Amino acid sequence: MILTHTNRYGFSQALTLAIWPLLTPLLIGPLKKARGITVEALGEALARNLARKGSGTKVLIWQDFMEITRQ
């Protein structure tokens, strides 16, 4: 879930944006990949990943984004 500061799609998105950060710590095990990430952290992780050496396609999950932003 990408968490933004702006609600563009009405009540359902407003509700999701309000509740998802509270649910994030409860998502463990296989559900961990569904944790929320702020749009700023996502952008930072993508930019840092582009600067890494390597080629080809790589699938990143929530944990990967968190590790990249901690570097």
PDB file of N, CA and C in Angstrom:
ATOM      1  N   MET A   1       0.849  -1.167   0.000  1.00  0.00           N
ATOM      2  CA  MET A   1       0.000   0.000   0.000  1.00  0.00           C
ATOM      3  C   MET A   1       0.897   1.235   0.000  1.00  0.00           C
ATOM      4  N   ILE A   2       0.681   2.102  -0.956  1.00  0.00           N
ATOM      5  CA  ILE A   2       1.414   3.364  -1.014  1.00  0.00           C
ATOM      6  C   ILE A   2       0.606   4.402  -0.249  1.00  0.00           C
ATOM      7  N   LEU A   3       1.222   4.958   0.789  1.00  0.00           N
ATOM      8  CA  LEU A   3       0.551   5.928   1.649  1.00  0.00           C
ATOM      9  C   LEU A   3       0.915   7.340   1.204  1.00  0.00           C
ATOM     10  N   THR A   4      -0.088   8.118   0.850  1.00  0.00           N
ATOM     11  CA  THR A   4       0.116   9.483   0.375  1.00  0.00           C
ATOM     12  C   THR A   4      -0.468  10.484   1.368  1.00  0.00           C
ATOM     13  N   HIS A   5      -0.115  11.745   1.185  1.00  0.00           N
ATOM     14  CA  HIS A   5      -0.663  12.804   2.023  1.00  0.00           C
ATOM     15  C   HIS A   5      -1.979  13.325   1.468  1.00  0.00           C
ATOM     16  N   THR A   6      -2.251  13.013   0.217  1.00  0.00           N
ATOM     17  CA  THR A   6      -3.412  13.566  -0.463  1.00  0.00           C
ATOM     18  C   THR A   6      -4.452  12.491  -0.733  1.00  0.00           C
ATOM     19  N   ASN A   7      -5.666  12.762  -0.359  1.00  0.00           N
ATOM     20  CA  ASN A   7      -6.784  11.872  -0.658  1.00  0.00           C
ATOM     21  C   ASN A   7      -7.397  12.351  -1.972  1.00  0.00           C
ATOM     22  N   ARG A   8      -7.271  11.547  -3.006  1.00  0.00           N
ATOM     23  CA  ARG A   8      -7.781  11.936  -4.322  1.00  0.00           C
ATOM     24  C   ARG A   8      -9.042  11.180  -4.723  1.00  0.00           C
ATOM     25  N   TYR A   9      -9.408  10.145  -3.975  1.00  0.00           N
ATOM     26  CA  TYR A   9     -10.465   9.269  -4.452  1.00  0.00           C
ATOM     27  C   TYR A   9     -11.645   9.124  -3.500  1.00  0.00           C
ATOM     28  N   GLY A  10     -11.796  10.023  -2.552  1.00  0.00           N
ATOM     29  CA  GLY A  10     -12.994  10.020  -1.725  1.00  0.00           C
ATOM     30  C   GLY A  10     -12.867   9.281  -0.408  1.00  0.00           C
ATOM     31  N   PHE A  11     -14.025   8.928   0.120  1.00  0.00           N
ATOM     32  CA  PHE A  11     -14.114   8.365   1.464  1.00  0.00           C
ATOM     33  C   PHE A  11     -13.335   7.069   1.629  1.00  0.00           C
ATOM     34  N   SER A  12     -13.408   6.176   0.668  1.00  0.00           N
ATOM     35  CA  SER A  12     -12.736   4.880   0.821  1.00  0.00           C
ATOM     36  C   SER A  12     -11.226   5.051   0.933  1.00  0.00           C
ATOM     37  N   GLN A  13     -10.657   5.952   0.147  1.00  0.00           N
ATOM     38  CA  GLN A  13      -9.226   6.187   0.252  1.00  0.00           C
ATOM     39  C   GLN A  13      -8.890   6.888   1.561  1.00  0.00           C
ATOM     40  N   ALA A  14      -9.709   7.820   1.988  1.00  0.00           N
ATOM     41  CA  ALA A  14      -9.476   8.502   3.258  1.00  0.00           C
ATOM     42  C   ALA A  14      -9.470   7.502   4.406  1.00  0.00           C
ATOM     43  N   LEU A  15     -10.399   6.578   4.379  1.00  0.00           N
ATOM     44  CA  LEU A  15     -10.473   5.551   5.411  1.00  0.00           C
ATOM     45  C   LEU A  15      -9.238   4.646   5.362  1.00  0.00           C
ATOM     46  N   THR A  16      -8.848   4.234   4.180  1.00  0.00           N
ATOM     47  CA  THR A  16      -7.663   3.390   4.016  1.00  0.00           C
ATOM     48  C   THR A  16      -6.413   4.101   4.508  1.00  0.00           C
ATOM     49  N   LEU A  17      -6.245   5.371   4.141  1.00  0.00           N
ATOM     50  CA  LEU A  17      -5.066   6.134   4.556  1.00  0.00           C
ATOM     51  C   LEU A  17      -5.031   6.341   6.062  1.00  0.00           C
ATOM     52  N   ALA A  18      -6.192   6.381   6.704  1.00  0.00           N
ATOM     53  CA  ALA A  18      -6.250   6.556   8.150  1.00  0.00           C
ATOM     54  C   ALA A  18      -5.975   5.251   8.891  1.00  0.00           C
ATOM     55  N   ILE A  19      -6.447   4.138   8.353  1.00  0.00           N
ATOM     56  CA  ILE A  19      -6.366   2.851   9.057  1.00  0.00           C
ATOM     57  C   ILE A  19      -5.080   2.084   8.745  1.00  0.00           C
ATOM     58  N   TRP A  20      -4.605   2.163   7.512  1.00  0.00           N
ATOM     59  CA  TRP A  20      -3.473   1.324   7.102  1.00  0.00           C
ATOM     60  C   TRP A  20      -2.234   1.493   7.984  1.00  0.00           C
ATOM     61  N   PRO A  21      -1.831   2.715   8.343  1.00  0.00           N
ATOM     62  CA  PRO A  21      -0.651   2.838   9.224  1.00  0.00           C
ATOM     63  C   PRO A  21      -0.836   2.132  10.569  1.00  0.00           C
ATOM     64  N   LEU A  22      -2.065   2.038  11.045  1.00  0.00           N
ATOM     65  CA  LEU A  22      -2.335   1.343  12.299  1.00  0.00           C
ATOM     66  C   LEU A  22      -2.245  -0.169  12.121  1.00  0.00           C
ATOM     67  N   LEU A  23      -2.580  -0.652  10.932  1.00  0.00           N
ATOM     68  CA  LEU A  23      -2.532  -2.086  10.642  1.00  0.00           C
ATOM     69  C   LEU A  23      -1.120  -2.587  10.342  1.00  0.00           C
ATOM     70  N   THR A  24      -0.270  -1.709   9.860  1.00  0.00           N
ATOM     71  CA  THR A  24       1.067  -2.102   9.403  1.00  0.00           C
ATOM     72  C   THR A  24       1.824  -2.956  10.418  1.00  0.00           C
ATOM     73  N   PRO A  25       1.894  -2.585  11.697  1.00  0.00           N
ATOM     74  CA  PRO A  25       2.653  -3.424  12.634  1.00  0.00           C
ATOM     75  C   PRO A  25       2.029  -4.808  12.856  1.00  0.00           C
ATOM     76  N   LEU A  26       0.750  -4.947  12.555  1.00  0.00           N
ATOM     77  CA  LEU A  26       0.071  -6.224  12.742  1.00  0.00           C
ATOM     78  C   LEU A  26       0.298  -7.192  11.589  1.00  0.00           C
ATOM     79  N   LEU A  27       0.785  -6.678  10.478  1.00  0.00           N
ATOM     80  CA  LEU A  27       1.017  -7.510   9.292  1.00  0.00           C
ATOM     81  C   LEU A  27       2.379  -8.188   9.437  1.00  0.00           C
ATOM     82  N   ILE A  28       2.349  -9.463   9.823  1.00  0.00           N
ATOM     83  CA  ILE A  28       3.579 -10.211  10.052  1.00  0.00           C
ATOM     84  C   ILE A  28       3.563 -11.467   9.187  1.00  0.00           C
ATOM     85  N   GLY A  29       4.696 -12.124   9.143  1.00  0.00           N
ATOM     86  CA  GLY A  29       4.800 -13.353   8.344  1.00  0.00           C
ATOM     87  C   GLY A  29       4.553 -13.066   6.874  1.00  0.00           C
ATOM     88  N   PRO A  30       3.741 -13.892   6.214  1.00  0.00           N
ATOM     89  CA  PRO A  30       3.492 -13.695   4.784  1.00  0.00           C
ATOM     90  C   PRO A  30       2.780 -12.375   4.474  1.00  0.00           C
ATOM     91  N   LEU A  31       2.072 -11.824   5.457  1.00  0.00           N
ATOM     92  CA  LEU A  31       1.352 -10.558   5.239  1.00  0.00           C
ATOM     93  C   LEU A  31       2.273  -9.341   5.294  1.00  0.00           C
ATOM     94  N   LYS A  32       3.520  -9.532   5.718  1.00  0.00           N
ATOM     95  CA  LYS A  32       4.460  -8.419   5.851  1.00  0.00           C
ATOM     96  C   LYS A  32       4.651  -7.668   4.538  1.00  0.00           C
ATOM     97  N   LYS A  33       4.541  -8.380   3.425  1.00  0.00           N
ATOM     98  CA  LYS A  33       4.736  -7.739   2.125  1.00  0.00           C
ATOM     99  C   LYS A  33       3.616  -6.757   1.787  1.00  0.00           C
ATOM    100  N   ALA A  34       2.520  -6.764   2.538  1.00  0.00           N
ATOM    101  CA  ALA A  34       1.402  -5.847   2.301  1.00  0.00           C
ATOM    102  C   ALA A  34       1.460  -4.607   3.190  1.00  0.00           C
ATOM    103  N   ARG A  35       2.543  -4.425   3.929  1.00  0.00           N
ATOM    104  CA  ARG A  35       2.671  -3.255   4.793  1.00  0.00           C
ATOM    105  C   ARG A  35       2.691  -1.982   3.961  1.00  0.00           C
ATOM    106  N   GLY A  36       2.316  -0.889   4.587  1.00  0.00           N
ATOM    107  CA  GLY A  36       2.287   0.397   3.898  1.00  0.00           C
ATOM    108  C   GLY A  36       3.662   1.033   3.810  1.00  0.00           C
ATOM    109  N   ILE A  37       3.842   1.853   2.791  1.00  0.00           N
ATOM    110  CA  ILE A  37       5.080   2.612   2.611  1.00  0.00           C
ATOM    111  C   ILE A  37       4.695   4.008   2.152  1.00  0.00           C
ATOM    112  N   THR A  38       5.345   5.008   2.711  1.00  0.00           N
ATOM    113  CA  THR A  38       5.036   6.376   2.285  1.00  0.00           C
ATOM    114  C   THR A  38       5.566   6.594   0.877  1.00  0.00           C
ATOM    115  N   VAL A  39       4.938   7.479   0.184  1.00  0.00           N
ATOM    116  CA  VAL A  39       5.359   7.763  -1.190  1.00  0.00           C
ATOM    117  C   VAL A  39       6.789   8.322  -1.211  1.00  0.00           C
ATOM    118  N   GLU A  40       7.168   9.056  -0.165  1.00  0.00           N
ATOM    119  CA  GLU A  40       8.536   9.594  -0.091  1.00  0.00           C
ATOM    120  C   GLU A  40       9.561   8.464   0.057  1.00  0.00           C
ATOM    121  N   ALA A  41       9.273   7.504   0.932  1.00  0.00           N
ATOM    122  CA  ALA A  41      10.191   6.376   1.131  1.00  0.00           C
ATOM    123  C   ALA A  41      10.274   5.517  -0.123  1.00  0.00           C
ATOM    124  N   LEU A  42       9.156   5.335  -0.794  1.00  0.00           N
ATOM    125  CA  LEU A  42       9.141   4.566  -2.038  1.00  0.00           C
ATOM    126  C   LEU A  42       9.999   5.243  -3.102  1.00  0.00           C
ATOM    127  N   GLY A  43       9.831   6.545  -3.266  1.00  0.00           N
ATOM    128  CA  GLY A  43      10.632   7.287  -4.246  1.00  0.00           C
ATOM    129  C   GLY A  43      12.115   7.228  -3.941  1.00  0.00           C
ATOM    130  N   GLU A  44      12.462   7.378  -2.662  1.00  0.00           N
ATOM    131  CA  GLU A  44      13.868   7.311  -2.259  1.00  0.00           C
ATOM    132  C   GLU A  44      14.455   5.932  -2.548  1.00  0.00           C
ATOM    133  N   ALA A  45      13.714   4.888  -2.223  1.00  0.00           N
ATOM    134  CA  ALA A  45      14.197   3.520  -2.460  1.00  0.00           C
ATOM    135  C   ALA A  45      14.374   3.256  -3.953  1.00  0.00           C
ATOM    136  N   LEU A  46      13.432   3.707  -4.763  1.00  0.00           N
ATOM    137  CA  LEU A  46      13.545   3.494  -6.209  1.00  0.00           C
ATOM    138  C   LEU A  46      14.757   4.235  -6.776  1.00  0.00           C
ATOM    139  N   ALA A  47      14.971   5.481  -6.337  1.00  0.00           N
ATOM    140  CA  ALA A  47      16.115   6.258  -6.823  1.00  0.00           C
ATOM    141  C   ALA A  47      17.432   5.604  -6.410  1.00  0.00           C
ATOM    142  N   ARG A  48      17.518   5.162  -5.164  1.00  0.00           N
ATOM    143  CA  ARG A  48      18.748   4.511  -4.700  1.00  0.00           C
ATOM    144  C   ARG A  48      18.976   3.185  -5.421  1.00  0.00           C
ATOM    145  N   ASN A  49      17.907   2.454  -5.689  1.00  0.00           N
ATOM    146  CA  ASN A  49      18.048   1.182  -6.384  1.00  0.00           C
ATOM    147  C   ASN A  49      18.530   1.383  -7.819  1.00  0.00           C
ATOM    148  N   LEU A  50      18.096   2.459  -8.448  1.00  0.00           N
ATOM    149  CA  LEU A  50      18.561   2.754  -9.810  1.00  0.00           C
ATOM    150  C   LEU A  50      20.058   3.036  -9.849  1.00  0.00           C
ATOM    151  N   ALA A  51      20.595   3.585  -8.764  1.00  0.00           N
ATOM    152  CA  ALA A  51      22.015   3.929  -8.709  1.00  0.00           C
ATOM    153  C   ALA A  51      22.896   2.702  -8.461  1.00  0.00           C
ATOM    154  N   ARG A  52      22.310   1.591  -8.091  1.00  0.00           N
ATOM    155  CA  ARG A  52      23.080   0.371  -7.846  1.00  0.00           C
ATOM    156  C   ARG A  52      23.562  -0.245  -9.149  1.00  0.00           C
ATOM    157  N   LYS A  53      24.663  -0.953  -9.052  1.00  0.00           N
ATOM    158  CA  LYS A  53      25.179  -1.669 -10.217  1.00  0.00           C
ATOM    159  C   LYS A  53      24.332  -2.913 -10.460  1.00  0.00           C
ATOM    160  N   GLY A  54      24.279  -3.314 -11.685  1.00  0.00           N
ATOM    161  CA  GLY A  54      23.536  -4.523 -12.037  1.00  0.00           C
ATOM    162  C   GLY A  54      22.668  -4.282 -13.251  1.00  0.00           C
ATOM    163  N   SER A  55      22.066  -5.343 -13.716  1.00  0.00           N
ATOM    164  CA  SER A  55      21.190  -5.228 -14.873  1.00  0.00           C
ATOM    165  C   SER A  55      20.072  -6.247 -14.742  1.00  0.00           C
ATOM    166  N   GLY A  56      19.108  -6.129 -15.599  1.00  0.00           N
ATOM    167  CA  GLY A  56      18.005  -7.067 -15.590  1.00  0.00           C
ATOM    168  C   GLY A  56      16.824  -6.558 -14.783  1.00  0.00           C
ATOM    169  N   THR A  57      15.886  -7.432 -14.554  1.00  0.00           N
ATOM    170  CA  THR A  57      14.665  -7.104 -13.831  1.00  0.00           C
ATOM    171  C   THR A  57      14.762  -7.623 -12.406  1.00  0.00           C
ATOM    172  N   LYS A  58      14.336  -6.817 -11.466  1.00  0.00           N
ATOM    173  CA  LYS A  58      14.339  -7.228 -10.075  1.00  0.00           C
ATOM    174  C   LYS A  58      12.988  -6.879  -9.461  1.00  0.00           C
ATOM    175  N   VAL A  59      12.408  -7.825  -8.763  1.00  0.00           N
ATOM    176  CA  VAL A  59      11.136  -7.600  -8.076  1.00  0.00           C
ATOM    177  C   VAL A  59      11.455  -7.222  -6.638  1.00  0.00           C
ATOM    178  N   LEU A  60      10.989  -6.052  -6.226  1.00  0.00           N
ATOM    179  CA  LEU A  60      11.219  -5.587  -4.867  1.00  0.00           C
ATOM    180  C   LEU A  60       9.938  -5.707  -4.055  1.00  0.00           C
ATOM    181  N   ILE A  61      10.083  -6.150  -2.816  1.00  0.00           N
ATOM    182  CA  ILE A  61       8.945  -6.224  -1.904  1.00  0.00           C
ATOM    183  C   ILE A  61       9.182  -5.232  -0.770  1.00  0.00           C
ATOM    184  N   TRP A  62       8.235  -5.119   0.136  1.00  0.00           N
ATOM    185  CA  TRP A  62       8.285  -4.126   1.206  1.00  0.00           C
ATOM    186  C   TRP A  62       9.621  -4.156   1.940  1.00  0.00           C
ATOM    187  N   GLN A  63      10.065  -5.336   2.322  1.00  0.00           N
ATOM    188  CA  GLN A  63      11.318  -5.450   3.073  1.00  0.00           C
ATOM    189  C   GLN A  63      12.496  -4.900   2.277  1.00  0.00           C
ATOM    190  N   ASP A  64      12.527  -5.123   0.975  1.00  0.00           N
ATOM    191  CA  ASP A  64      13.586  -4.588   0.129  1.00  0.00           C
ATOM    192  C   ASP A  64      13.601  -3.067   0.154  1.00  0.00           C
ATOM    193  N   PHE A  65      12.423  -2.459   0.047  1.00  0.00           N
ATOM    194  CA  PHE A  65      12.338  -0.999   0.078  1.00  0.00           C
ATOM    195  C   PHE A  65      12.836  -0.455   1.410  1.00  0.00           C
ATOM    196  N   MET A  66      12.492  -1.111   2.505  1.00  0.00           N
ATOM    197  CA  MET A  66      12.930  -0.654   3.817  1.00  0.00           C
ATOM    198  C   MET A  66      14.446  -0.766   3.969  1.00  0.00           C
ATOM    199  N   GLU A  67      15.025  -1.855   3.484  1.00  0.00           N
ATOM    200  CA  GLU A  67      16.482  -2.038   3.559  1.00  0.00           C
ATOM    201  C   GLU A  67      17.212  -1.001   2.713  1.00  0.00           C
ATOM    202  N   ILE A  68      16.699  -0.708   1.545  1.00  0.00           N
ATOM    203  CA  ILE A  68      17.337   0.274   0.658  1.00  0.00           C
ATOM    204  C   ILE A  68      17.291   1.667   1.286  1.00  0.00           C
ATOM    205  N   THR A  69      16.193   2.039   1.899  1.00  0.00           N
ATOM    206  CA  THR A  69      16.093   3.385   2.479  1.00  0.00           C
ATOM    207  C   THR A  69      16.945   3.525   3.737  1.00  0.00           C
ATOM    208  N   ARG A  70      17.295   2.424   4.391  1.00  0.00           N
ATOM    209  CA  ARG A  70      18.159   2.482   5.597  1.00  0.00           C
ATOM    210  C   ARG A  70      19.619   2.653   5.246  1.00  0.00           C
ATOM    211  N   GLN A  71      20.001   2.439   4.008  1.00  0.00           N
ATOM    212  CA  GLN A  71      21.426   2.509   3.606  1.00  0.00           C
ATOM    213  C   GLN A  71      21.883   3.930   3.517  1.00  0.00           C
TER     214      GLN A  71
END
